PDB file of N, CA and C in Angstrom:
ATOM      1  N   MET A   1      -1.624 -24.217  24.370  1.00  0.00           N
ATOM      2  CA  MET A   1      -2.033 -24.349  22.197  1.00  0.00           C
ATOM      3  C   MET A   1      -3.211 -22.690  21.967  1.00  0.00           C
ATOM      4  N   VAL A   2      -2.917 -22.334  23.098  1.00  0.00           N
ATOM      5  CA  VAL A   2      -3.931 -20.728  22.580  1.00  0.00           C
ATOM      6  C   VAL A   2      -3.169 -20.423  22.416  1.00  0.00           C
ATOM      7  N   SER A   3      -1.977 -19.431  23.050  1.00  0.00           N
ATOM      8  CA  SER A   3      -0.916 -18.774  22.876  1.00  0.00           C
ATOM      9  C   SER A   3      -0.290 -18.813  20.813  1.00  0.00           C
ATOM     10  N   ARG A   4      -0.332 -20.125  21.021  1.00  0.00           N
ATOM     11  CA  ARG A   4       0.155 -20.750  19.624  1.00  0.00           C
ATOM     12  C   ARG A   4      -0.905 -20.506  18.682  1.00  0.00           C
ATOM     13  N   LEU A   5      -2.278 -20.174  18.507  1.00  0.00           N
ATOM     14  CA  LEU A   5      -3.060 -19.798  18.060  1.00  0.00           C
ATOM     15  C   LEU A   5      -3.592 -17.400  17.883  1.00  0.00           C
ATOM     16  N   SER A   6      -3.257 -17.679  19.355  1.00  0.00           N
ATOM     17  CA  SER A   6      -2.686 -15.643  19.452  1.00  0.00           C
ATOM     18  C   SER A   6      -1.897 -15.002  18.277  1.00  0.00           C
ATOM     19  N   THR A   7      -0.171 -16.488  18.251  1.00  0.00           N
ATOM     20  CA  THR A   7       0.745 -16.666  17.959  1.00  0.00           C
ATOM     21  C   THR A   7       0.912 -15.918  16.305  1.00  0.00           C
ATOM     22  N   GLN A   8      -0.202 -17.001  15.354  1.00  0.00           N
ATOM     23  CA  GLN A   8      -0.353 -16.534  14.229  1.00  0.00           C
ATOM     24  C   GLN A   8      -1.555 -15.835  13.938  1.00  0.00           C
ATOM     25  N   ARG A   9      -2.897 -15.425  13.984  1.00  0.00           N
ATOM     26  CA  ARG A   9      -3.375 -14.320  13.994  1.00  0.00           C
ATOM     27  C   ARG A   9      -1.456 -12.640  14.774  1.00  0.00           C
ATOM     28  N   GLU A  10      -1.092 -13.254  14.941  1.00  0.00           N
ATOM     29  CA  GLU A  10      -1.033 -11.555  15.377  1.00  0.00           C
ATOM     30  C   GLU A  10       0.555 -11.748  14.708  1.00  0.00           C
ATOM     31  N   ASN A  11       1.125 -12.643  13.824  1.00  0.00           N
ATOM     32  CA  ASN A  11       1.675 -12.506  12.588  1.00  0.00           C
ATOM     33  C   ASN A  11       0.046 -12.978  11.611  1.00  0.00           C
ATOM     34  N   HIS A  12      -0.351 -13.317  11.395  1.00  0.00           N
ATOM     35  CA  HIS A  12      -0.776 -12.879  10.149  1.00  0.00           C
ATOM     36  C   HIS A  12      -1.465 -11.544   9.923  1.00  0.00           C
ATOM     37  N   GLY A  13      -2.103 -10.976  10.599  1.00  0.00           N
ATOM     38  CA  GLY A  13      -2.808 -10.255  10.531  1.00  0.00           C
ATOM     39  C   GLY A  13      -1.969  -8.592  10.151  1.00  0.00           C
ATOM     40  N   SER A  14       0.172  -8.800  10.802  1.00  0.00           N
ATOM     41  CA  SER A  14       0.984  -7.911  10.707  1.00  0.00           C
ATOM     42  C   SER A  14       1.528  -7.915   9.133  1.00  0.00           C
ATOM     43  N   GLN A  15       1.207  -9.248   8.310  1.00  0.00           N
ATOM     44  CA  GLN A  15       1.319  -9.294   6.849  1.00  0.00           C
ATOM     45  C   GLN A  15       0.454  -8.472   6.062  1.00  0.00           C
ATOM     46  N   MET A  16      -0.542  -7.938   6.470  1.00  0.00           N
ATOM     47  CA  MET A  16      -1.492  -7.165   5.670  1.00  0.00           C
ATOM     48  C   MET A  16      -2.020  -6.102   6.149  1.00  0.00           C
ATOM     49  N   THR A  17      -1.736  -5.343   7.364  1.00  0.00           N
ATOM     50  CA  THR A  17      -2.491  -4.154   7.458  1.00  0.00           C
ATOM     51  C   THR A  17      -0.785  -3.443   8.008  1.00  0.00           C
ATOM     52  N   ILE A  18      -1.505  -2.943   7.937  1.00  0.00           N
ATOM     53  CA  ILE A  18      -0.089  -1.220   7.884  1.00  0.00           C
ATOM     54  C   ILE A  18      -0.700  -1.059   9.375  1.00  0.00           C
ATOM     55  N   THR A  19       0.737  -0.983  10.086  1.00  0.00           N
ATOM     56  CA  THR A  19       1.029  -0.034  11.135  1.00  0.00           C
ATOM     57  C   THR A  19       0.526   1.110  11.535  1.00  0.00           C
ATOM     58  N   LYS A  20      -0.032   1.721  12.627  1.00  0.00           N
ATOM     59  CA  LYS A  20      -0.109   3.621  12.698  1.00  0.00           C
ATOM     60  C   LYS A  20       1.557   3.509  12.637  1.00  0.00           C
ATOM     61  N   GLU A  21       2.506   3.340  13.389  1.00  0.00           N
ATOM     62  CA  GLU A  21       3.821   3.866  13.043  1.00  0.00           C
ATOM     63  C   GLU A  21       3.877   3.680  11.811  1.00  0.00           C
ATOM     64  N   ARG A  22       3.921   2.795  11.605  1.00  0.00           N
ATOM     65  CA  ARG A  22       4.688   2.868   9.592  1.00  0.00           C
ATOM     66  C   ARG A  22       3.299   3.809   8.631  1.00  0.00           C
ATOM     67  N   LYS A  23       3.254   3.614   9.143  1.00  0.00           N
ATOM     68  CA  LYS A  23       1.599   4.567   8.463  1.00  0.00           C
ATOM     69  C   LYS A  23       1.655   6.223   8.238  1.00  0.00           C
ATOM     70  N   THR A  24       2.266   6.590  10.093  1.00  0.00           N
ATOM     71  CA  THR A  24       1.901   7.909   9.945  1.00  0.00           C
ATOM     72  C   THR A  24       4.121   8.082   9.395  1.00  0.00           C
ATOM     73  N   GLU A  25       4.896   6.906   9.339  1.00  0.00           N
ATOM     74  CA  GLU A  25       6.272   7.785   8.636  1.00  0.00           C
ATOM     75  C   GLU A  25       6.109   7.680   6.936  1.00  0.00           C
ATOM     76  N   LEU A  26       5.448   6.958   6.041  1.00  0.00           N
ATOM     77  CA  LEU A  26       4.520   6.584   4.770  1.00  0.00           C
ATOM     78  C   LEU A  26       4.518   7.934   4.819  1.00  0.00           C
ATOM     79  N   ILE A  27       3.572   8.766   5.663  1.00  0.00           N
ATOM     80  CA  ILE A  27       2.338  10.105   5.282  1.00  0.00           C
ATOM     81  C   ILE A  27       4.178  10.913   5.397  1.00  0.00           C
ATOM     82  N   GLY A  28       4.468  11.097   6.468  1.00  0.00           N
ATOM     83  CA  GLY A  28       5.438  12.016   6.819  1.00  0.00           C
ATOM     84  C   GLY A  28       6.857  12.536   5.545  1.00  0.00           C
ATOM     85  N   GLN A  29       6.756  11.285   4.875  1.00  0.00           N
ATOM     86  CA  GLN A  29       7.741  10.505   3.899  1.00  0.00           C
ATOM     87  C   GLN A  29       7.061  11.277   2.671  1.00  0.00           C
ATOM     88  N   PHE A  30       5.716  11.278   2.711  1.00  0.00           N
ATOM     89  CA  PHE A  30       5.534  11.138   1.312  1.00  0.00           C
ATOM     90  C   PHE A  30       4.868  12.904   1.017  1.00  0.00           C
ATOM     91  N   ARG A  31       4.102  13.740   1.945  1.00  0.00           N
ATOM     92  CA  ARG A  31       3.578  15.084   2.468  1.00  0.00           C
ATOM     93  C   ARG A  31       4.131  16.173   1.222  1.00  0.00           C
ATOM     94  N   ARG A  32       3.047  16.825   0.411  1.00  0.00           N
ATOM     95  CA  ARG A  32       3.700  18.271   0.110  1.00  0.00           C
ATOM     96  C   ARG A  32       3.520  19.028   1.574  1.00  0.00           C
ATOM     97  N   ASP A  33       2.863  18.906   2.036  1.00  0.00           N
ATOM     98  CA  ASP A  33       3.806  19.901   3.356  1.00  0.00           C
ATOM     99  C   ASP A  33       2.637  19.579   4.480  1.00  0.00           C
ATOM    100  N   ALA A  34       2.903  20.448   5.564  1.00  0.00           N
ATOM    101  CA  ALA A  34       3.252  20.012   6.941  1.00  0.00           C
ATOM    102  C   ALA A  34       1.071  18.820   7.181  1.00  0.00           C
ATOM    103  N   SER A  35       0.397  19.565   7.057  1.00  0.00           N
ATOM    104  CA  SER A  35      -0.875  18.790   7.234  1.00  0.00           C
ATOM    105  C   SER A  35      -1.320  17.963   6.541  1.00  0.00           C
ATOM    106  N   ASP A  36      -0.879  18.254   5.116  1.00  0.00           N
ATOM    107  CA  ASP A  36      -0.729  17.068   4.118  1.00  0.00           C
ATOM    108  C   ASP A  36      -0.873  15.229   4.958  1.00  0.00           C
ATOM    109  N   THR A  37      -2.273  15.197   4.307  1.00  0.00           N
ATOM    110  CA  THR A  37      -2.566  13.359   4.620  1.00  0.00           C
ATOM    111  C   THR A  37      -3.267  12.787   3.442  1.00  0.00           C
ATOM    112  N   GLY A  38      -3.188  13.506   2.213  1.00  0.00           N
ATOM    113  CA  GLY A  38      -5.046  13.207   1.345  1.00  0.00           C
ATOM    114  C   GLY A  38      -4.345  12.819  -0.205  1.00  0.00           C
ATOM    115  N   SER A  39      -2.695  13.478  -0.456  1.00  0.00           N
ATOM    116  CA  SER A  39      -2.139  14.214  -1.451  1.00  0.00           C
ATOM    117  C   SER A  39      -2.239  12.602  -2.346  1.00  0.00           C
ATOM    118  N   PRO A  40      -2.222  12.699  -3.724  1.00  0.00           N
ATOM    119  CA  PRO A  40      -1.922  11.689  -4.194  1.00  0.00           C
ATOM    120  C   PRO A  40      -0.741  10.790  -3.723  1.00  0.00           C
ATOM    121  N   GLU A  41       0.359  11.575  -4.521  1.00  0.00           N
ATOM    122  CA  GLU A  41       1.807  10.995  -3.841  1.00  0.00           C
ATOM    123  C   GLU A  41       1.513  10.495  -2.098  1.00  0.00           C
ATOM    124  N   VAL A  42       1.198  10.472  -0.864  1.00  0.00           N
ATOM    125  CA  VAL A  42       0.078   9.209   0.258  1.00  0.00           C
ATOM    126  C   VAL A  42      -0.315   8.550  -0.144  1.00  0.00           C
ATOM    127  N   GLN A  43      -1.406   8.703  -1.162  1.00  0.00           N
ATOM    128  CA  GLN A  43      -2.373   7.487  -0.721  1.00  0.00           C
ATOM    129  C   GLN A  43      -1.555   7.065  -1.774  1.00  0.00           C
ATOM    130  N   ILE A  44      -0.985   6.468  -2.772  1.00  0.00           N
ATOM    131  CA  ILE A  44      -0.236   5.909  -3.578  1.00  0.00           C
ATOM    132  C   ILE A  44       1.026   5.045  -2.985  1.00  0.00           C
ATOM    133  N   SER A  45       1.246   5.961  -1.634  1.00  0.00           N
ATOM    134  CA  SER A  45       2.339   5.014  -1.078  1.00  0.00           C
ATOM    135  C   SER A  45       1.602   4.153   0.037  1.00  0.00           C
ATOM    136  N   LEU A  46       0.785   4.259   0.672  1.00  0.00           N
ATOM    137  CA  LEU A  46      -0.353   3.545   1.127  1.00  0.00           C
ATOM    138  C   LEU A  46      -0.628   2.635   0.499  1.00  0.00           C
ATOM    139  N   LEU A  47      -0.742   2.730  -0.537  1.00  0.00           N
ATOM    140  CA  LEU A  47      -1.612   1.733  -1.622  1.00  0.00           C
ATOM    141  C   LEU A  47      -0.858   0.465  -1.829  1.00  0.00           C
ATOM    142  N   THR A  48       0.763   1.419  -1.789  1.00  0.00           N
ATOM    143  CA  THR A  48       1.286   0.300  -2.825  1.00  0.00           C
ATOM    144  C   THR A  48       1.460  -0.612  -1.148  1.00  0.00           C
ATOM    145  N   THR A  49       2.179   0.145   0.044  1.00  0.00           N
ATOM    146  CA  THR A  49       2.702  -0.778   0.773  1.00  0.00           C
ATOM    147  C   THR A  49       1.215  -1.770   1.172  1.00  0.00           C
ATOM    148  N   ARG A  50      -0.137  -2.112   0.848  1.00  0.00           N
ATOM    149  CA  ARG A  50      -0.938  -2.531   1.899  1.00  0.00           C
ATOM    150  C   ARG A  50      -0.403  -3.330  -0.008  1.00  0.00           C
ATOM    151  N   ILE A  51      -0.522  -3.308  -0.427  1.00  0.00           N
ATOM    152  CA  ILE A  51      -0.347  -4.394  -2.333  1.00  0.00           C
ATOM    153  C   ILE A  51       0.840  -5.179  -2.077  1.00  0.00           C
ATOM    154  N   ASN A  52       1.592  -4.312  -1.306  1.00  0.00           N
ATOM    155  CA  ASN A  52       3.174  -5.595  -1.662  1.00  0.00           C
ATOM    156  C   ASN A  52       2.594  -6.511   0.420  1.00  0.00           C
ATOM    157  N   GLY A  53       2.607  -6.022   1.996  1.00  0.00           N
ATOM    158  CA  GLY A  53       2.098  -7.157   2.403  1.00  0.00           C
ATOM    159  C   GLY A  53       0.548  -8.614   1.657  1.00  0.00           C
ATOM    160  N   LEU A  54      -0.202  -7.490   0.483  1.00  0.00           N
ATOM    161  CA  LEU A  54      -1.434  -8.640   0.322  1.00  0.00           C
ATOM    162  C   LEU A  54      -0.790  -9.451  -0.619  1.00  0.00           C
ATOM    163  N   THR A  55       0.193  -8.941  -1.747  1.00  0.00           N
ATOM    164  CA  THR A  55       0.770 -10.015  -2.543  1.00  0.00           C
ATOM    165  C   THR A  55       1.373 -10.930  -1.771  1.00  0.00           C
ATOM    166  N   GLY A  56       1.923 -10.617  -0.891  1.00  0.00           N
ATOM    167  CA  GLY A  56       2.383 -11.767   0.419  1.00  0.00           C
ATOM    168  C   GLY A  56       1.642 -13.141   0.984  1.00  0.00           C
ATOM    169  N   HIS A  57       0.639 -12.851   1.224  1.00  0.00           N
ATOM    170  CA  HIS A  57      -0.537 -13.445   1.712  1.00  0.00           C
ATOM    171  C   HIS A  57      -0.716 -13.765   0.477  1.00  0.00           C
ATOM    172  N   MET A  58      -0.891 -13.181  -1.269  1.00  0.00           N
ATOM    173  CA  MET A  58      -1.673 -14.172  -2.080  1.00  0.00           C
ATOM    174  C   MET A  58      -1.299 -15.122  -2.715  1.00  0.00           C
ATOM    175  N   ARG A  59      -0.029 -15.191  -1.919  1.00  0.00           N
ATOM    176  CA  ARG A  59       0.925 -16.447  -2.514  1.00  0.00           C
ATOM    177  C   ARG A  59       1.489 -17.126  -1.501  1.00  0.00           C
ATOM    178  N   THR A  60       1.099 -17.729  -0.591  1.00  0.00           N
ATOM    179  CA  THR A  60       1.157 -18.140  -0.151  1.00  0.00           C
ATOM    180  C   THR A  60      -0.201 -19.089   0.301  1.00  0.00           C
ATOM    181  N   HIS A  61      -1.238 -17.860   0.120  1.00  0.00           N
ATOM    182  CA  HIS A  61      -3.185 -18.478   0.380  1.00  0.00           C
ATOM    183  C   HIS A  61      -3.728 -17.912  -1.403  1.00  0.00           C
ATOM    184  N   ALA A  62      -3.597 -18.964  -2.322  1.00  0.00           N
ATOM    185  CA  ALA A  62      -3.287 -19.022  -4.116  1.00  0.00           C
ATOM    186  C   ALA A  62      -4.441 -18.637  -3.642  1.00  0.00           C
ATOM    187  N   LYS A  63      -6.380 -19.030  -3.560  1.00  0.00           N
ATOM    188  CA  LYS A  63      -7.449 -19.898  -3.271  1.00  0.00           C
ATOM    189  C   LYS A  63      -8.204 -18.666  -2.952  1.00  0.00           C
ATOM    190  N   ASP A  64      -8.181 -18.006  -1.599  1.00  0.00           N
ATOM    191  CA  ASP A  64      -8.275 -16.539  -1.021  1.00  0.00           C
ATOM    192  C   ASP A  64      -9.106 -15.724  -1.781  1.00  0.00           C
ATOM    193  N   TYR A  65      -9.653 -15.983  -3.380  1.00  0.00           N
ATOM    194  CA  TYR A  65     -10.669 -15.081  -3.437  1.00  0.00           C
ATOM    195  C   TYR A  65     -11.010 -13.872  -3.212  1.00  0.00           C
ATOM    196  N   ALA A  66     -11.338 -13.438  -2.223  1.00  0.00           N
ATOM    197  CA  ALA A  66     -11.876 -12.315  -1.841  1.00  0.00           C
ATOM    198  C   ALA A  66     -10.649 -11.422  -1.635  1.00  0.00           C
ATOM    199  N   SER A  67      -9.590 -12.052  -0.515  1.00  0.00           N
ATOM    200  CA  SER A  67      -8.191 -10.963  -0.912  1.00  0.00           C
ATOM    201  C   SER A  67      -7.906 -10.713  -2.024  1.00  0.00           C
ATOM    202  N   ARG A  68      -7.820 -11.863  -2.893  1.00  0.00           N
ATOM    203  CA  ARG A  68      -7.242 -11.654  -4.744  1.00  0.00           C
ATOM    204  C   ARG A  68      -8.499 -10.315  -5.310  1.00  0.00           C
ATOM    205  N   ARG A  69      -9.867 -10.539  -4.570  1.00  0.00           N
ATOM    206  CA  ARG A  69     -10.247  -9.551  -5.358  1.00  0.00           C
ATOM    207  C   ARG A  69     -10.466  -7.841  -4.628  1.00  0.00           C
ATOM    208  N   GLY A  70      -9.471  -7.918  -4.023  1.00  0.00           N
ATOM    209  CA  GLY A  70      -9.295  -6.604  -2.586  1.00  0.00           C
ATOM    210  C   GLY A  70      -8.147  -6.059  -2.961  1.00  0.00           C
ATOM    211  N   LEU A  71      -7.032  -6.871  -3.462  1.00  0.00           N
ATOM    212  CA  LEU A  71      -5.892  -6.924  -3.815  1.00  0.00           C
ATOM    213  C   LEU A  71      -6.516  -6.270  -5.404  1.00  0.00           C
ATOM    214  N   LEU A  72      -6.809  -6.776  -5.981  1.00  0.00           N
ATOM    215  CA  LEU A  72      -7.085  -5.934  -7.801  1.00  0.00           C
ATOM    216  C   LEU A  72      -7.646  -5.064  -7.865  1.00  0.00           C
ATOM    217  N   MET A  73      -8.734  -4.757  -6.837  1.00  0.00           N
ATOM    218  CA  MET A  73      -8.772  -3.262  -6.328  1.00  0.00           C
ATOM    219  C   MET A  73      -8.847  -2.023  -6.151  1.00  0.00           C
ATOM    220  N   MET A  74      -7.465  -2.559  -5.442  1.00  0.00           N
ATOM    221  CA  MET A  74      -6.126  -1.900  -4.666  1.00  0.00           C
ATOM    222  C   MET A  74      -5.258  -0.966  -6.075  1.00  0.00           C
ATOM    223  N   VAL A  75      -5.374  -2.331  -6.845  1.00  0.00           N
ATOM    224  CA  VAL A  75      -4.255  -1.848  -7.876  1.00  0.00           C
ATOM    225  C   VAL A  75      -4.725  -1.068  -8.759  1.00  0.00           C
ATOM    226  N   SER A  76      -5.673  -0.821  -9.522  1.00  0.00           N
ATOM    227  CA  SER A  76      -6.432  -0.421  -9.762  1.00  0.00           C
ATOM    228  C   SER A  76      -7.004   0.917  -9.384  1.00  0.00           C
ATOM    229  N   ARG A  77      -7.287   0.650  -8.192  1.00  0.00           N
ATOM    230  CA  ARG A  77      -7.329   2.628  -7.831  1.00  0.00           C
ATOM    231  C   ARG A  77      -5.381   3.518  -7.403  1.00  0.00           C
ATOM    232  N   ARG A  78      -5.090   2.512  -7.434  1.00  0.00           N
ATOM    233  CA  ARG A  78      -3.765   3.309  -7.408  1.00  0.00           C
ATOM    234  C   ARG A  78      -2.886   3.361  -9.067  1.00  0.00           C
ATOM    235  N   ARG A  79      -3.518   2.717  -9.406  1.00  0.00           N
ATOM    236  CA  ARG A  79      -2.886   3.437 -10.654  1.00  0.00           C
ATOM    237  C   ARG A  79      -3.637   4.111 -11.647  1.00  0.00           C
ATOM    238  N   ARG A  80      -4.931   4.476 -10.688  1.00  0.00           N
ATOM    239  CA  ARG A  80      -5.657   5.911 -11.245  1.00  0.00           C
ATOM    240  C   ARG A  80      -5.655   6.544 -10.586  1.00  0.00           C
ATOM    241  N   LEU A  81      -4.606   6.631  -9.180  1.00  0.00           N
ATOM    242  CA  LEU A  81      -4.255   7.799  -8.750  1.00  0.00           C
ATOM    243  C   LEU A  81      -3.023   8.196  -9.163  1.00  0.00           C
ATOM    244  N   LEU A  82      -2.015   7.976 -10.158  1.00  0.00           N
ATOM    245  CA  LEU A  82      -1.259   7.512 -10.333  1.00  0.00           C
ATOM    246  C   LEU A  82      -1.059   7.741 -11.779  1.00  0.00           C
ATOM    247  N   ASP A  83      -1.855   7.941 -12.497  1.00  0.00           N
ATOM    248  CA  ASP A  83      -2.859   8.388 -13.879  1.00  0.00           C
ATOM    249  C   ASP A  83      -2.900   9.870 -13.585  1.00  0.00           C
ATOM    250  N   TYR A  84      -3.751  10.231 -12.483  1.00  0.00           N
ATOM    251  CA  TYR A  84      -3.805  11.305 -12.275  1.00  0.00           C
ATOM    252  C   TYR A  84      -2.547  11.932 -12.334  1.00  0.00           C
ATOM    253  N   LEU A  85      -1.627  12.013 -11.169  1.00  0.00           N
ATOM    254  CA  LEU A  85      -0.745  12.024 -11.175  1.00  0.00           C
ATOM    255  C   LEU A  85      -0.049  12.348 -12.128  1.00  0.00           C
ATOM    256  N   LYS A  86      -0.027  12.177 -13.146  1.00  0.00           N
ATOM    257  CA  LYS A  86       1.444  11.646 -14.004  1.00  0.00           C
ATOM    258  C   LYS A  86       0.467  13.004 -14.750  1.00  0.00           C
ATOM    259  N   LYS A  87      -0.976  12.883 -14.342  1.00  0.00           N
ATOM    260  CA  LYS A  87      -1.834  14.294 -16.213  1.00  0.00           C
ATOM    261  C   LYS A  87      -1.085  15.851 -15.106  1.00  0.00           C
ATOM    262  N   ILE A  88      -1.367  15.623 -14.274  1.00  0.00           N
ATOM    263  CA  ILE A  88      -1.455  17.224 -13.149  1.00  0.00           C
ATOM    264  C   ILE A  88      -0.284  17.527 -12.628  1.00  0.00           C
ATOM    265  N   ASN A  89       1.018  16.512 -13.180  1.00  0.00           N
ATOM    266  CA  ASN A  89       2.465  17.339 -12.896  1.00  0.00           C
ATOM    267  C   ASN A  89       3.495  15.670 -13.195  1.00  0.00           C
ATOM    268  N   PRO A  90       3.934  15.752 -14.150  1.00  0.00           N
ATOM    269  CA  PRO A  90       4.325  14.374 -14.613  1.00  0.00           C
ATOM    270  C   PRO A  90       6.187  13.924 -13.924  1.00  0.00           C
ATOM    271  N   GLN A  91       6.685  14.653 -13.445  1.00  0.00           N
ATOM    272  CA  GLN A  91       7.573  15.085 -12.784  1.00  0.00           C
ATOM    273  C   GLN A  91       6.944  14.152 -10.684  1.00  0.00           C
ATOM    274  N   ARG A  92       5.772  15.305 -10.746  1.00  0.00           N
ATOM    275  CA  ARG A  92       5.915  14.537  -8.809  1.00  0.00           C
ATOM    276  C   ARG A  92       5.813  13.018  -9.349  1.00  0.00           C
ATOM    277  N   TYR A  93       5.415  12.550 -10.433  1.00  0.00           N
ATOM    278  CA  TYR A  93       4.647  11.140 -11.507  1.00  0.00           C
ATOM    279  C   TYR A  93       6.199  10.208 -10.720  1.00  0.00           C
ATOM    280  N   LEU A  94       6.836  11.226 -11.274  1.00  0.00           N
ATOM    281  CA  LEU A  94       8.459  10.018 -11.675  1.00  0.00           C
ATOM    282  C   LEU A  94       8.506  10.137 -10.799  1.00  0.00           C
ATOM    283  N   ASP A  95       8.593  10.865  -9.959  1.00  0.00           N
ATOM    284  CA  ASP A  95       9.361  10.643  -8.183  1.00  0.00           C
ATOM    285  C   ASP A  95       9.000   9.752  -7.798  1.00  0.00           C
ATOM    286  N   VAL A  96       7.809   9.909  -7.834  1.00  0.00           N
ATOM    287  CA  VAL A  96       6.947   9.033  -6.577  1.00  0.00           C
ATOM    288  C   VAL A  96       7.067   7.353  -7.238  1.00  0.00           C
ATOM    289  N   ILE A  97       7.057   6.772  -8.370  1.00  0.00           N
ATOM    290  CA  ILE A  97       7.140   5.877  -9.271  1.00  0.00           C
ATOM    291  C   ILE A  97       8.766   5.456  -8.673  1.00  0.00           C
ATOM    292  N   GLN A  98       9.590   6.271  -8.736  1.00  0.00           N
ATOM    293  CA  GLN A  98      10.928   5.717  -9.079  1.00  0.00           C
ATOM    294  C   GLN A  98      11.440   5.860  -6.529  1.00  0.00           C
ATOM    295  N   LYS A  99      10.341   6.794  -6.499  1.00  0.00           N
ATOM    296  CA  LYS A  99      10.688   5.902  -4.466  1.00  0.00           C
ATOM    297  C   LYS A  99      10.337   5.293  -4.868  1.00  0.00           C
ATOM    298  N   LEU A 100       9.204   4.648  -4.685  1.00  0.00           N
ATOM    299  CA  LEU A 100       8.529   2.854  -4.267  1.00  0.00           C
ATOM    300  C   LEU A 100       8.978   2.436  -5.786  1.00  0.00           C
ATOM    301  N   ASP A 101       9.475   2.247  -5.963  1.00  0.00           N
ATOM    302  CA  ASP A 101       9.994   1.092  -7.188  1.00  0.00           C
ATOM    303  C   ASP A 101       9.125   0.376  -7.933  1.00  0.00           C
ATOM    304  N   ILE A 102       7.870   1.309  -8.191  1.00  0.00           N
ATOM    305  CA  ILE A 102       6.978   1.449  -9.389  1.00  0.00           C
ATOM    306  C   ILE A 102       7.253   1.224 -10.881  1.00  0.00           C
ATOM    307  N   ARG A 103       7.014  -0.526 -11.646  1.00  0.00           N
ATOM    308  CA  ARG A 103       7.788  -0.370 -12.583  1.00  0.00           C
ATOM    309  C   ARG A 103       5.834  -0.019 -13.818  1.00  0.00           C
ATOM    310  N   LYS A 104       7.532   0.872 -14.313  1.00  0.00           N
ATOM    311  CA  LYS A 104       6.064   1.085 -14.932  1.00  0.00           C
ATOM    312  C   LYS A 104       6.429   1.733 -16.775  1.00  0.00           C
TER     313      LYS A 104
END
């Protein structure tokens, strides 16, 4: 019984969070230079990955209102970052939404 519970927790936790390896991979894919970890592109890619994971969680747990609130906050933060990126560099904005397959 204990092994079943721990397996469920491991599976459940991996859906909503980003592993260290995945985060490093995303940063490497979207960074502008070697030391870049906080550009809008990187932040948008990390938020998109978290949003996609949480969206799957919300499909199975429709009444999880705390997670819903967190999801909505992440979506609005990503929207603000996308608006900022569109304002300062429209071409980078188009590249990011195309790479991440975000509809606009």
